[in-house]
């Protein structure tokens, strides 16, 4: 009993941890997709220099 047991309990905990990590990864990807800004909204250039008026 030196703590290096690689029996079924150990692999089950590793599988559970891997499943939790995959679930967390999926949640992050879903959140990133929900927060994503469409390219069309980021590439539209609108000349607006009103903010400079008060800085002179």
Protein backbone atom coordinates (compact mmCIF):
# COMPACT_ATOMS: atom_id res chain seq x y z
CA UNK A 1 0.00 0.00 0.00
CA UNK A 2 2.26 2.77 -1.23
CA UNK A 3 -0.49 5.00 -2.70
CA UNK A 4 0.24 4.08 -6.31
CA UNK A 5 -2.96 2.10 -6.80
CA UNK A 6 -4.17 2.37 -10.38
CA UNK A 7 -7.32 0.35 -9.85
CA UNK A 8 -10.80 1.07 -11.15
CA UNK A 9 -11.47 3.79 -8.56
CA UNK A 10 -8.56 5.85 -9.80
CA UNK A 11 -9.59 5.70 -13.45
CA UNK A 12 -13.20 6.52 -12.51
CA UNK A 13 -12.08 9.69 -10.75
CA UNK A 14 -9.93 10.62 -13.75
CA UNK A 15 -12.90 10.04 -16.06
CA UNK A 16 -15.13 12.18 -13.85
CA UNK A 17 -12.53 14.96 -13.81
CA UNK A 18 -12.16 14.79 -17.59
CA UNK A 19 -15.96 14.98 -17.98
CA UNK A 20 -16.08 18.02 -15.67
CA UNK A 21 -13.32 19.71 -17.65
CA UNK A 22 -15.12 19.03 -20.93
CA UNK A 23 -18.38 20.40 -19.51
CA UNK A 24 -16.57 23.55 -18.32
CA UNK A 25 -14.96 23.90 -21.75
CA UNK A 26 -18.35 23.64 -23.43
CA UNK A 27 -19.83 26.26 -21.08
CA UNK A 28 -16.97 28.64 -21.89
CA UNK A 29 -17.41 28.11 -25.63
CA UNK A 30 -21.17 28.70 -25.38
CA UNK A 31 -20.61 31.87 -23.35
CA UNK A 32 -18.01 33.14 -25.81
CA UNK A 33 -20.38 32.51 -28.70
CA UNK A 34 -23.17 34.35 -26.90
CA UNK A 35 -20.87 37.35 -26.26
CA UNK A 36 -19.41 37.37 -29.77
CA UNK A 37 -19.78 40.57 -31.80
CA UNK A 38 -20.53 39.96 -35.49
CA UNK A 39 -17.75 41.01 -37.87
CA UNK A 40 -20.08 43.39 -39.68
CA UNK A 41 -20.50 45.38 -36.48
CA UNK A 42 -16.75 45.70 -35.90
CA UNK A 43 -15.64 46.65 -39.41
CA UNK A 44 -18.07 49.48 -40.00
CA UNK A 45 -16.16 52.76 -39.88
CA UNK A 46 -18.24 55.75 -38.87
CA UNK A 47 -16.48 59.11 -38.91
CA UNK A 48 -17.44 60.77 -35.65
CA UNK A 49 -15.04 63.27 -34.16
CA UNK A 50 -17.45 64.95 -31.78
CA UNK A 51 -15.54 63.58 -28.77
CA UNK A 52 -12.49 65.72 -29.71
CA UNK A 53 -14.34 69.05 -29.40
CA UNK A 54 -14.08 69.17 -25.62
CA UNK A 55 -10.42 68.17 -25.50
CA UNK A 56 -8.89 71.31 -27.03
